[in-house]
Amino acid sequence: MRLTIEEAQSQVDQWIKTHGVRYFNELTNMAILTEEVGEVARIIARRYGEQSEKESDKNRDLGEEMADVLWVLICLANQTGVNLTEAFQKNVEKKTLRDHERHHSNPKLR
C-alpha cells in the first residue's frame, strides 16, 4: 500500500477525530515526540552502536518506533497548519541548492 504524506496527514486527523477525541496540545505532543525519538535512539544505540542490547530491548521493533515518531510529528503538523508535503519539497530544494557540491567534495565521505 502506498500512502502520500497528504493522505497520512488526513488519516491521522480522521483517527484523532474518531478515536482520540481531540489532539493533545502542542506542548504535550512536543514532549511525546521527544519521548518517541528517545525510544528510537535507544534501539539504534544498542542494536547498531556500542552499547549492549538489554534483553528487554531485543524484541522492540525499530520500524514501529519510527512510525510512532512519524505519527506524533504528523499530529503536530496538523494542529499547527503545516502541510508536510509542501514543507518537505521546499526542504529538498533547499538542501539541493545549498549542498549541491558539499558532500561530493567532502573527503570524509570517501
PDB file of N, CA and C in Angstrom:
ATOM      1  N   MET A   1       0.838  -1.179   0.000  1.00  0.00           N
ATOM      2  CA  MET A   1       0.000   0.000   0.000  1.00  0.00           C
ATOM      3  C   MET A   1       0.884   1.245   0.000  1.00  0.00           C
ATOM      4  N   ARG A   2       0.618   2.140  -0.893  1.00  0.00           N
ATOM      5  CA  ARG A   2       1.340   3.414  -0.940  1.00  0.00           C
ATOM      6  C   ARG A   2       0.472   4.482  -0.318  1.00  0.00           C
ATOM      7  N   LEU A   3       1.129   5.361   0.400  1.00  0.00           N
ATOM      8  CA  LEU A   3       0.426   6.417   1.117  1.00  0.00           C
ATOM      9  C   LEU A   3       1.206   7.715   0.932  1.00  0.00           C
ATOM     10  N   THR A   4       0.545   8.741   0.461  1.00  0.00           N
ATOM     11  CA  THR A   4       1.216  10.027   0.329  1.00  0.00           C
ATOM     12  C   THR A   4       1.280  10.686   1.706  1.00  0.00           C
ATOM     13  N   ILE A   5       2.128  11.686   1.820  1.00  0.00           N
ATOM     14  CA  ILE A   5       2.207  12.428   3.075  1.00  0.00           C
ATOM     15  C   ILE A   5       0.868  13.103   3.354  1.00  0.00           C
ATOM     16  N   GLU A   6       0.261  13.649   2.316  1.00  0.00           N
ATOM     17  CA  GLU A   6      -1.052  14.301   2.472  1.00  0.00           C
ATOM     18  C   GLU A   6      -2.095  13.305   2.986  1.00  0.00           C
ATOM     19  N   GLU A   7      -2.080  12.102   2.433  1.00  0.00           N
ATOM     20  CA  GLU A   7      -3.021  11.072   2.892  1.00  0.00           C
ATOM     21  C   GLU A   7      -2.740  10.680   4.342  1.00  0.00           C
ATOM     22  N   ALA A   8      -1.473  10.619   4.707  1.00  0.00           N
ATOM     23  CA  ALA A   8      -1.114  10.285   6.089  1.00  0.00           C
ATOM     24  C   ALA A   8      -1.617  11.368   7.037  1.00  0.00           C
ATOM     25  N   GLN A   9      -1.452  12.632   6.642  1.00  0.00           N
ATOM     26  CA  GLN A   9      -1.947  13.714   7.491  1.00  0.00           C
ATOM     27  C   GLN A   9      -3.459  13.622   7.651  1.00  0.00           C
ATOM     28  N   SER A  10      -4.154  13.309   6.581  1.00  0.00           N
ATOM     29  CA  SER A  10      -5.602  13.176   6.636  1.00  0.00           C
ATOM     30  C   SER A  10      -6.022  11.973   7.481  1.00  0.00           C
ATOM     31  N   GLN A  11      -5.319  10.872   7.330  1.00  0.00           N
ATOM     32  CA  GLN A  11      -5.635   9.648   8.076  1.00  0.00           C
ATOM     33  C   GLN A  11      -5.444   9.866   9.576  1.00  0.00           C
ATOM     34  N   VAL A  12      -4.361  10.512   9.962  1.00  0.00           N
ATOM     35  CA  VAL A  12      -4.131  10.792  11.382  1.00  0.00           C
ATOM     36  C   VAL A  12      -5.224  11.717  11.909  1.00  0.00           C
ATOM     37  N   ASP A  13      -5.556  12.749  11.145  1.00  0.00           N
ATOM     38  CA  ASP A  13      -6.595  13.678  11.579  1.00  0.00           C
ATOM     39  C   ASP A  13      -7.925  12.959  11.774  1.00  0.00           C
ATOM     40  N   GLN A  14      -8.280  12.099  10.843  1.00  0.00           N
ATOM     41  CA  GLN A  14      -9.534  11.347  10.943  1.00  0.00           C
ATOM     42  C   GLN A  14      -9.511  10.425  12.161  1.00  0.00           C
ATOM     43  N   TRP A  15      -8.370   9.776  12.415  1.00  0.00           N
ATOM     44  CA  TRP A  15      -8.265   8.886  13.569  1.00  0.00           C
ATOM     45  C   TRP A  15      -8.436   9.675  14.864  1.00  0.00           C
ATOM     46  N   ILE A  16      -7.782  10.816  14.950  1.00  0.00           N
ATOM     47  CA  ILE A  16      -7.891  11.646  16.158  1.00  0.00           C
ATOM     48  C   ILE A  16      -9.347  12.030  16.388  1.00  0.00           C
ATOM     49  N   LYS A  17     -10.033  12.443  15.332  1.00  0.00           N
ATOM     50  CA  LYS A  17     -11.431  12.867  15.465  1.00  0.00           C
ATOM     51  C   LYS A  17     -12.362  11.706  15.797  1.00  0.00           C
ATOM     52  N   THR A  18     -12.019  10.504  15.352  1.00  0.00           N
ATOM     53  CA  THR A  18     -12.871   9.334  15.573  1.00  0.00           C
ATOM     54  C   THR A  18     -12.554   8.615  16.878  1.00  0.00           C
ATOM     55  N   HIS A  19     -11.277   8.435  17.166  1.00  0.00           N
ATOM     56  CA  HIS A  19     -10.868   7.616  18.309  1.00  0.00           C
ATOM     57  C   HIS A  19     -10.168   8.388  19.420  1.00  0.00           C
ATOM     58  N   GLY A  20      -9.586   9.509  19.082  1.00  0.00           N
ATOM     59  CA  GLY A  20      -8.750  10.202  20.048  1.00  0.00           C
ATOM     60  C   GLY A  20      -9.404  11.367  20.755  1.00  0.00           C
ATOM     61  N   VAL A  21     -10.633  11.663  20.438  1.00  0.00           N
ATOM     62  CA  VAL A  21     -11.413  12.770  20.994  1.00  0.00           C
ATOM     63  C   VAL A  21     -10.893  14.106  20.493  1.00  0.00           C
ATOM     64  N   ARG A  22      -9.619  14.414  20.750  1.00  0.00           N
ATOM     65  CA  ARG A  22      -9.005  15.654  20.282  1.00  0.00           C
ATOM     66  C   ARG A  22      -7.493  15.474  20.320  1.00  0.00           C
ATOM     67  N   TYR A  23      -6.799  16.400  19.679  1.00  0.00           N
ATOM     68  CA  TYR A  23      -5.340  16.398  19.749  1.00  0.00           C
ATOM     69  C   TYR A  23      -4.912  16.807  21.155  1.00  0.00           C
ATOM     70  N   PHE A  24      -3.812  16.222  21.642  1.00  0.00           N
ATOM     71  CA  PHE A  24      -3.170  16.768  22.828  1.00  0.00           C
ATOM     72  C   PHE A  24      -2.660  18.150  22.432  1.00  0.00           C
ATOM     73  N   ASN A  25      -2.445  19.025  23.387  1.00  0.00           N
ATOM     74  CA  ASN A  25      -1.934  20.343  22.995  1.00  0.00           C
ATOM     75  C   ASN A  25      -0.518  20.216  22.443  1.00  0.00           C
ATOM     76  N   GLU A  26      -0.077  21.283  21.798  1.00  0.00           N
ATOM     77  CA  GLU A  26       1.211  21.254  21.100  1.00  0.00           C
ATOM     78  C   GLU A  26       2.383  20.952  22.030  1.00  0.00           C
ATOM     79  N   LEU A  27       2.371  21.503  23.220  1.00  0.00           N
ATOM     80  CA  LEU A  27       3.479  21.244  24.153  1.00  0.00           C
ATOM     81  C   LEU A  27       3.495  19.787  24.608  1.00  0.00           C
ATOM     82  N   THR A  28       2.319  19.233  24.850  1.00  0.00           N
ATOM     83  CA  THR A  28       2.250  17.815  25.213  1.00  0.00           C
ATOM     84  C   THR A  28       2.758  16.959  24.065  1.00  0.00           C
ATOM     85  N   ASN A  29       2.315  17.265  22.844  1.00  0.00           N
ATOM     86  CA  ASN A  29       2.778  16.484  21.700  1.00  0.00           C
ATOM     87  C   ASN A  29       4.277  16.646  21.467  1.00  0.00           C
ATOM     88  N   MET A  30       4.817  17.817  21.754  1.00  0.00           N
ATOM     89  CA  MET A  30       6.272  18.002  21.626  1.00  0.00           C
ATOM     90  C   MET A  30       7.002  17.112  22.619  1.00  0.00           C
ATOM     91  N   ALA A  31       6.490  17.027  23.833  1.00  0.00           N
ATOM     92  CA  ALA A  31       7.100  16.152  24.840  1.00  0.00           C
ATOM     93  C   ALA A  31       6.983  14.684  24.422  1.00  0.00           C
ATOM     94  N   ILE A  32       5.832  14.311  23.877  1.00  0.00           N
ATOM     95  CA  ILE A  32       5.646  12.929  23.407  1.00  0.00           C
ATOM     96  C   ILE A  32       6.594  12.637  22.248  1.00  0.00           C
ATOM     97  N   LEU A  33       6.756  13.596  21.326  1.00  0.00           N
ATOM     98  CA  LEU A  33       7.680  13.408  20.204  1.00  0.00           C
ATOM     99  C   LEU A  33       9.100  13.172  20.709  1.00  0.00           C
ATOM    100  N   THR A  34       9.506  13.945  21.687  1.00  0.00           N
ATOM    101  CA  THR A  34      10.840  13.792  22.259  1.00  0.00           C
ATOM    102  C   THR A  34      11.001  12.396  22.876  1.00  0.00           C
ATOM    103  N   GLU A  35       9.978  11.955  23.569  1.00  0.00           N
ATOM    104  CA  GLU A  35       9.998  10.615  24.167  1.00  0.00           C
ATOM    105  C   GLU A  35      10.111   9.536  23.089  1.00  0.00           C
ATOM    106  N   GLU A  36       9.339   9.672  22.021  1.00  0.00           N
ATOM    107  CA  GLU A  36       9.366   8.676  20.953  1.00  0.00           C
ATOM    108  C   GLU A  36      10.715   8.664  20.230  1.00  0.00           C
ATOM    109  N   VAL A  37      11.301   9.834  19.999  1.00  0.00           N
ATOM    110  CA  VAL A  37      12.637   9.898  19.381  1.00  0.00           C
ATOM    111  C   VAL A  37      13.651   9.218  20.295  1.00  0.00           C
ATOM    112  N   GLY A  38      13.490   9.396  21.606  1.00  0.00           N
ATOM    113  CA  GLY A  38      14.368   8.725  22.561  1.00  0.00           C
ATOM    114  C   GLY A  38      14.284   7.214  22.462  1.00  0.00           C
ATOM    115  N   GLU A  39      13.087   6.687  22.211  1.00  0.00           N
ATOM    116  CA  GLU A  39      12.930   5.238  22.062  1.00  0.00           C
ATOM    117  C   GLU A  39      13.633   4.738  20.803  1.00  0.00           C
ATOM    118  N   VAL A  40      13.576   5.518  19.729  1.00  0.00           N
ATOM    119  CA  VAL A  40      14.308   5.157  18.510  1.00  0.00           C
ATOM    120  C   VAL A  40      15.806   5.206  18.790  1.00  0.00           C
ATOM    121  N   ALA A  41      16.248   6.251  19.468  1.00  0.00           N
ATOM    122  CA  ALA A  41      17.674   6.393  19.782  1.00  0.00           C
ATOM    123  C   ALA A  41      18.170   5.229  20.638  1.00  0.00           C
ATOM    124  N   ARG A  42      17.359   4.806  21.571  1.00  0.00           N
ATOM    125  CA  ARG A  42      17.749   3.683  22.441  1.00  0.00           C
ATOM    126  C   ARG A  42      17.989   2.418  21.619  1.00  0.00           C
ATOM    127  N   ILE A  43      17.081   2.118  20.702  1.00  0.00           N
ATOM    128  CA  ILE A  43      17.247   0.922  19.864  1.00  0.00           C
ATOM    129  C   ILE A  43      18.485   1.053  18.988  1.00  0.00           C
ATOM    130  N   ILE A  44      18.655   2.200  18.345  1.00  0.00           N
ATOM    131  CA  ILE A  44      19.810   2.412  17.458  1.00  0.00           C
ATOM    132  C   ILE A  44      21.117   2.292  18.239  1.00  0.00           C
ATOM    133  N   ALA A  45      21.176   2.936  19.399  1.00  0.00           N
ATOM    134  CA  ALA A  45      22.404   2.920  20.206  1.00  0.00           C
ATOM    135  C   ALA A  45      22.770   1.513  20.651  1.00  0.00           C
ATOM    136  N   ARG A  46      21.771   0.718  20.943  1.00  0.00           N
ATOM    137  CA  ARG A  46      22.039  -0.626  21.470  1.00  0.00           C
ATOM    138  C   ARG A  46      22.166  -1.672  20.376  1.00  0.00           C
ATOM    139  N   ARG A  47      21.421  -1.515  19.318  1.00  0.00           N
ATOM    140  CA  ARG A  47      21.453  -2.523  18.254  1.00  0.00           C
ATOM    141  C   ARG A  47      22.579  -2.264  17.260  1.00  0.00           C
ATOM    142  N   TYR A  48      22.860  -0.988  16.981  1.00  0.00           N
ATOM    143  CA  TYR A  48      23.851  -0.642  15.964  1.00  0.00           C
ATOM    144  C   TYR A  48      25.056   0.098  16.532  1.00  0.00           C
ATOM    145  N   GLY A  49      24.927   0.591  17.748  1.00  0.00           N
ATOM    146  CA  GLY A  49      26.013   1.332  18.376  1.00  0.00           C
ATOM    147  C   GLY A  49      26.825   0.440  19.293  1.00  0.00           C
ATOM    148  N   GLU A  50      27.515   1.058  20.216  1.00  0.00           N
ATOM    149  CA  GLU A  50      28.449   0.342  21.069  1.00  0.00           C
ATOM    150  C   GLU A  50      27.842  -0.146  22.377  1.00  0.00           C
ATOM    151  N   GLN A  51      26.633   0.324  22.703  1.00  0.00           N
ATOM    152  CA  GLN A  51      26.004  -0.148  23.928  1.00  0.00           C
ATOM    153  C   GLN A  51      25.502  -1.570  23.723  1.00  0.00           C
ATOM    154  N   SER A  52      25.517  -2.347  24.807  1.00  0.00           N
ATOM    155  CA  SER A  52      24.965  -3.702  24.706  1.00  0.00           C
ATOM    156  C   SER A  52      23.440  -3.616  24.768  1.00  0.00           C
ATOM    157  N   GLU A  53      22.811  -4.500  24.043  1.00  0.00           N
ATOM    158  CA  GLU A  53      21.352  -4.505  23.984  1.00  0.00           C
ATOM    159  C   GLU A  53      20.798  -5.310  25.147  1.00  0.00           C
ATOM    160  N   LYS A  54      19.913  -4.699  25.890  1.00  0.00           N
ATOM    161  CA  LYS A  54      19.275  -5.388  27.001  1.00  0.00           C
ATOM    162  C   LYS A  54      18.293  -6.412  26.450  1.00  0.00           C
ATOM    163  N   GLU A  55      18.064  -7.450  27.206  1.00  0.00           N
ATOM    164  CA  GLU A  55      17.131  -8.489  26.782  1.00  0.00           C
ATOM    165  C   GLU A  55      15.750  -7.897  26.480  1.00  0.00           C
ATOM    166  N   SER A  56      15.342  -6.930  27.286  1.00  0.00           N
ATOM    167  CA  SER A  56      14.020  -6.320  27.109  1.00  0.00           C
ATOM    168  C   SER A  56      13.927  -5.475  25.838  1.00  0.00           C
ATOM    169  N   ASP A  57      15.074  -5.102  25.251  1.00  0.00           N
ATOM    170  CA  ASP A  57      15.084  -4.294  24.031  1.00  0.00           C
ATOM    171  C   ASP A  57      15.140  -5.137  22.757  1.00  0.00           C
ATOM    172  N   LYS A  58      15.525  -6.389  22.880  1.00  0.00           N
ATOM    173  CA  LYS A  58      15.780  -7.218  21.695  1.00  0.00           C
ATOM    174  C   LYS A  58      14.553  -7.453  20.830  1.00  0.00           C
ATOM    175  N   ASN A  59      13.383  -7.435  21.405  1.00  0.00           N
ATOM    176  CA  ASN A  59      12.166  -7.668  20.630  1.00  0.00           C
ATOM    177  C   ASN A  59      11.474  -6.380  20.191  1.00  0.00           C
ATOM    178  N   ARG A  60      12.073  -5.233  20.488  1.00  0.00           N
ATOM    179  CA  ARG A  60      11.464  -3.954  20.102  1.00  0.00           C
ATOM    180  C   ARG A  60      11.619  -3.757  18.604  1.00  0.00           C
ATOM    181  N   ASP A  61      10.566  -3.320  17.979  1.00  0.00           N
ATOM    182  CA  ASP A  61      10.513  -3.148  16.533  1.00  0.00           C
ATOM    183  C   ASP A  61      10.907  -1.717  16.176  1.00  0.00           C
ATOM    184  N   LEU A  62      12.049  -1.562  15.515  1.00  0.00           N
ATOM    185  CA  LEU A  62      12.540  -0.239  15.151  1.00  0.00           C
ATOM    186  C   LEU A  62      11.549   0.479  14.240  1.00  0.00           C
ATOM    187  N   GLY A  63      10.981  -0.222  13.289  1.00  0.00           N
ATOM    188  CA  GLY A  63      10.015   0.379  12.384  1.00  0.00           C
ATOM    189  C   GLY A  63       8.789   0.901  13.120  1.00  0.00           C
ATOM    190  N   GLU A  64       8.328   0.142  14.087  1.00  0.00           N
ATOM    191  CA  GLU A  64       7.172   0.573  14.878  1.00  0.00           C
ATOM    192  C   GLU A  64       7.492   1.836  15.666  1.00  0.00           C
ATOM    193  N   GLU A  65       8.697   1.895  16.218  1.00  0.00           N
ATOM    194  CA  GLU A  65       9.098   3.082  16.978  1.00  0.00           C
ATOM    195  C   GLU A  65       9.252   4.296  16.057  1.00  0.00           C
ATOM    196  N   MET A  66       9.778   4.084  14.857  1.00  0.00           N
ATOM    197  CA  MET A  66       9.882   5.181  13.891  1.00  0.00           C
ATOM    198  C   MET A  66       8.493   5.657  13.474  1.00  0.00           C
ATOM    199  N   ALA A  67       7.567   4.727  13.329  1.00  0.00           N
ATOM    200  CA  ALA A  67       6.192   5.090  12.981  1.00  0.00           C
ATOM    201  C   ALA A  67       5.550   5.914  14.093  1.00  0.00           C
ATOM    202  N   ASP A  68       5.885   5.621  15.349  1.00  0.00           N
ATOM    203  CA  ASP A  68       5.388   6.435  16.464  1.00  0.00           C
ATOM    204  C   ASP A  68       5.892   7.875  16.344  1.00  0.00           C
ATOM    205  N   VAL A  69       7.158   8.033  15.965  1.00  0.00           N
ATOM    206  CA  VAL A  69       7.724   9.373  15.764  1.00  0.00           C
ATOM    207  C   VAL A  69       6.962  10.086  14.650  1.00  0.00           C
ATOM    208  N   LEU A  70       6.747   9.387  13.547  1.00  0.00           N
ATOM    209  CA  LEU A  70       6.041   9.967  12.408  1.00  0.00           C
ATOM    210  C   LEU A  70       4.617  10.370  12.792  1.00  0.00           C
ATOM    211  N   TRP A  71       3.944   9.529  13.544  1.00  0.00           N
ATOM    212  CA  TRP A  71       2.573   9.809  13.986  1.00  0.00           C
ATOM    213  C   TRP A  71       2.496  11.131  14.760  1.00  0.00           C
ATOM    214  N   VAL A  72       3.372  11.279  15.749  1.00  0.00           N
ATOM    215  CA  VAL A  72       3.318  12.489  16.576  1.00  0.00           C
ATOM    216  C   VAL A  72       3.752  13.708  15.768  1.00  0.00           C
ATOM    217  N   LEU A  73       4.716  13.543  14.883  1.00  0.00           N
ATOM    218  CA  LEU A  73       5.128  14.646  14.016  1.00  0.00           C
ATOM    219  C   LEU A  73       3.960  15.093  13.131  1.00  0.00           C
ATOM    220  N   ILE A  74       3.209  14.140  12.602  1.00  0.00           N
ATOM    221  CA  ILE A  74       2.038  14.463  11.792  1.00  0.00           C
ATOM    222  C   ILE A  74       0.980  15.159  12.643  1.00  0.00           C
ATOM    223  N   CYS A  75       0.791  14.708  13.876  1.00  0.00           N
ATOM    224  CA  CYS A  75      -0.149  15.395  14.771  1.00  0.00           C
ATOM    225  C   CYS A  75       0.244  16.862  14.932  1.00  0.00           C
ATOM    226  N   LEU A  76       1.513  17.105  15.188  1.00  0.00           N
ATOM    227  CA  LEU A  76       1.983  18.479  15.353  1.00  0.00           C
ATOM    228  C   LEU A  76       1.790  19.298  14.073  1.00  0.00           C
ATOM    229  N   ALA A  77       2.055  18.687  12.939  1.00  0.00           N
ATOM    230  CA  ALA A  77       1.852  19.387  11.661  1.00  0.00           C
ATOM    231  C   ALA A  77       0.377  19.729  11.476  1.00  0.00           C
ATOM    232  N   ASN A  78      -0.479  18.778  11.746  1.00  0.00           N
ATOM    233  CA  ASN A  78      -1.917  19.009  11.574  1.00  0.00           C
ATOM    234  C   ASN A  78      -2.407  20.138  12.468  1.00  0.00           C
ATOM    235  N   GLN A  79      -2.005  20.119  13.712  1.00  0.00           N
ATOM    236  CA  GLN A  79      -2.560  21.104  14.632  1.00  0.00           C
ATOM    237  C   GLN A  79      -1.919  22.487  14.504  1.00  0.00           C
ATOM    238  N   THR A  80      -0.792  22.572  13.808  1.00  0.00           N
ATOM    239  CA  THR A  80      -0.158  23.879  13.592  1.00  0.00           C
ATOM    240  C   THR A  80      -0.332  24.366  12.151  1.00  0.00           C
ATOM    241  N   GLY A  81      -1.071  23.609  11.340  1.00  0.00           N
ATOM    242  CA  GLY A  81      -1.366  24.028   9.976  1.00  0.00           C
ATOM    243  C   GLY A  81      -0.234  23.857   8.984  1.00  0.00           C
ATOM    244  N   VAL A  82       0.685  22.958   9.262  1.00  0.00           N
ATOM    245  CA  VAL A  82       1.812  22.720   8.357  1.00  0.00           C
ATOM    246  C   VAL A  82       1.434  21.637   7.346  1.00  0.00           C
ATOM    247  N   ASN A  83       1.591  21.950   6.068  1.00  0.00           N
ATOM    248  CA  ASN A  83       1.419  20.972   5.011  1.00  0.00           C
ATOM    249  C   ASN A  83       2.782  20.300   4.833  1.00  0.00           C
ATOM    250  N   LEU A  84       2.908  19.071   5.298  1.00  0.00           N
ATOM    251  CA  LEU A  84       4.205  18.397   5.275  1.00  0.00           C
ATOM    252  C   LEU A  84       4.698  18.101   3.862  1.00  0.00           C
ATOM    253  N   THR A  85       3.789  17.911   2.925  1.00  0.00           N
ATOM    254  CA  THR A  85       4.215  17.683   1.537  1.00  0.00           C
ATOM    255  C   THR A  85       4.948  18.910   1.017  1.00  0.00           C
ATOM    256  N   GLU A  86       4.338  20.070   1.192  1.00  0.00           N
ATOM    257  CA  GLU A  86       4.970  21.312   0.733  1.00  0.00           C
ATOM    258  C   GLU A  86       6.256  21.589   1.495  1.00  0.00           C
ATOM    259  N   ALA A  87       6.220  21.392   2.805  1.00  0.00           N
ATOM    260  CA  ALA A  87       7.404  21.653   3.621  1.00  0.00           C
ATOM    261  C   ALA A  87       8.553  20.734   3.227  1.00  0.00           C
ATOM    262  N   PHE A  88       8.247  19.469   2.956  1.00  0.00           N
ATOM    263  CA  PHE A  88       9.281  18.515   2.565  1.00  0.00           C
ATOM    264  C   PHE A  88       9.872  18.875   1.210  1.00  0.00           C
ATOM    265  N   GLN A  89       9.008  19.222   0.256  1.00  0.00           N
ATOM    266  CA  GLN A  89       9.501  19.607  -1.070  1.00  0.00           C
ATOM    267  C   GLN A  89      10.408  20.830  -0.992  1.00  0.00           C
ATOM    268  N   LYS A  90      10.027  21.818  -0.197  1.00  0.00           N
ATOM    269  CA  LYS A  90      10.868  23.009  -0.004  1.00  0.00           C
ATOM    270  C   LYS A  90      12.201  22.630   0.629  1.00  0.00           C
ATOM    271  N   ASN A  91      12.163  21.689   1.560  1.00  0.00           N
ATOM    272  CA  ASN A  91      13.373  21.266   2.244  1.00  0.00           C
ATOM    273  C   ASN A  91      14.340  20.573   1.289  1.00  0.00           C
ATOM    274  N   VAL A  92      13.805  19.719   0.412  1.00  0.00           N
ATOM    275  CA  VAL A  92      14.650  19.046  -0.578  1.00  0.00           C
ATOM    276  C   VAL A  92      15.281  20.070  -1.507  1.00  0.00           C
ATOM    277  N   GLU A  93      14.490  21.038  -1.956  1.00  0.00           N
ATOM    278  CA  GLU A  93      15.015  22.089  -2.830  1.00  0.00           C
ATOM    279  C   GLU A  93      16.121  22.878  -2.130  1.00  0.00           C
ATOM    280  N   LYS A  94      15.897  23.229  -0.855  1.00  0.00           N
ATOM    281  CA  LYS A  94      16.905  23.976  -0.092  1.00  0.00           C
ATOM    282  C   LYS A  94      18.201  23.185   0.020  1.00  0.00           C
ATOM    283  N   LYS A  95      18.083  21.907   0.360  1.00  0.00           N
ATOM    284  CA  LYS A  95      19.276  21.069   0.511  1.00  0.00           C
ATOM    285  C   LYS A  95      19.995  20.885  -0.828  1.00  0.00           C
ATOM    286  N   THR A  96      19.223  20.757  -1.893  1.00  0.00           N
ATOM    287  CA  THR A  96      19.815  20.578  -3.216  1.00  0.00           C
ATOM    288  C   THR A  96      20.633  21.803  -3.616  1.00  0.00           C
ATOM    289  N   LEU A  97      20.069  22.982  -3.399  1.00  0.00           N
ATOM    290  CA  LEU A  97      20.798  24.212  -3.727  1.00  0.00           C
ATOM    291  C   LEU A  97      21.997  24.418  -2.806  1.00  0.00           C
ATOM    292  N   ARG A  98      21.798  24.255  -1.532  1.00  0.00           N
ATOM    293  CA  ARG A  98      22.843  24.532  -0.547  1.00  0.00           C
ATOM    294  C   ARG A  98      23.975  23.506  -0.598  1.00  0.00           C
ATOM    295  N   ASP A  99      23.620  22.249  -0.782  1.00  0.00           N
ATOM    296  CA  ASP A  99      24.601  21.170  -0.662  1.00  0.00           C
ATOM    297  C   ASP A  99      24.951  20.528  -1.995  1.00  0.00           C
ATOM    298  N   HIS A 100      24.735  21.261  -3.077  1.00  0.00           N
ATOM    299  CA  HIS A 100      24.942  20.737  -4.428  1.00  0.00           C
ATOM    300  C   HIS A 100      26.281  20.004  -4.577  1.00  0.00           C
ATOM    301  N   GLU A 101      27.356  20.609  -4.109  1.00  0.00           N
ATOM    302  CA  GLU A 101      28.685  20.012  -4.232  1.00  0.00           C
ATOM    303  C   GLU A 101      29.292  19.606  -2.891  1.00  0.00           C
ATOM    304  N   ARG A 102      28.666  20.033  -1.829  1.00  0.00           N
ATOM    305  CA  ARG A 102      29.255  19.889  -0.493  1.00  0.00           C
ATOM    306  C   ARG A 102      29.660  18.458  -0.158  1.00  0.00           C
ATOM    307  N   HIS A 103      28.793  17.511  -0.366  1.00  0.00           N
ATOM    308  CA  HIS A 103      29.090  16.139   0.059  1.00  0.00           C
ATOM    309  C   HIS A 103      30.066  15.447  -0.911  1.00  0.00           C
ATOM    310  N   HIS A 104      29.982  15.800  -2.190  1.00  0.00           N
ATOM    311  CA  HIS A 104      30.913  15.224  -3.170  1.00  0.00           C
ATOM    312  C   HIS A 104      32.352  15.657  -2.907  1.00  0.00           C
ATOM    313  N   SER A 105      32.520  16.840  -2.355  1.00  0.00           N
ATOM    314  CA  SER A 105      33.881  17.351  -2.107  1.00  0.00           C
ATOM    315  C   SER A 105      34.355  17.099  -0.680  1.00  0.00           C
ATOM    316  N   ASN A 106      33.610  16.334   0.076  1.00  0.00           N
ATOM    317  CA  ASN A 106      33.980  16.043   1.463  1.00  0.00           C
ATOM    318  C   ASN A 106      34.826  14.778   1.509  1.00  0.00           C
ATOM    319  N   PRO A 107      36.120  14.901   1.811  1.00  0.00           N
ATOM    320  CA  PRO A 107      36.995  13.717   1.821  1.00  0.00           C
ATOM    321  C   PRO A 107      36.606  12.708   2.907  1.00  0.00           C
ATOM    322  N   LYS A 108      35.885  13.134   3.913  1.00  0.00           N
ATOM    323  CA  LYS A 108      35.463  12.223   4.981  1.00  0.00           C
ATOM    324  C   LYS A 108      34.440  11.205   4.491  1.00  0.00           C
ATOM    325  N   LEU A 109      33.781  11.510   3.374  1.00  0.00           N
ATOM    326  CA  LEU A 109      32.745  10.607   2.852  1.00  0.00           C
ATOM    327  C   LEU A 109      33.253   9.639   1.794  1.00  0.00           C
ATOM    328  N   ARG A 110      34.534   9.660   1.575  1.00  0.00           N
ATOM    329  CA  ARG A 110      35.107   8.756   0.549  1.00  0.00           C
ATOM    330  C   ARG A 110      35.685   7.532   1.146  1.00  0.00           C
TER     331      ARG A 110
END
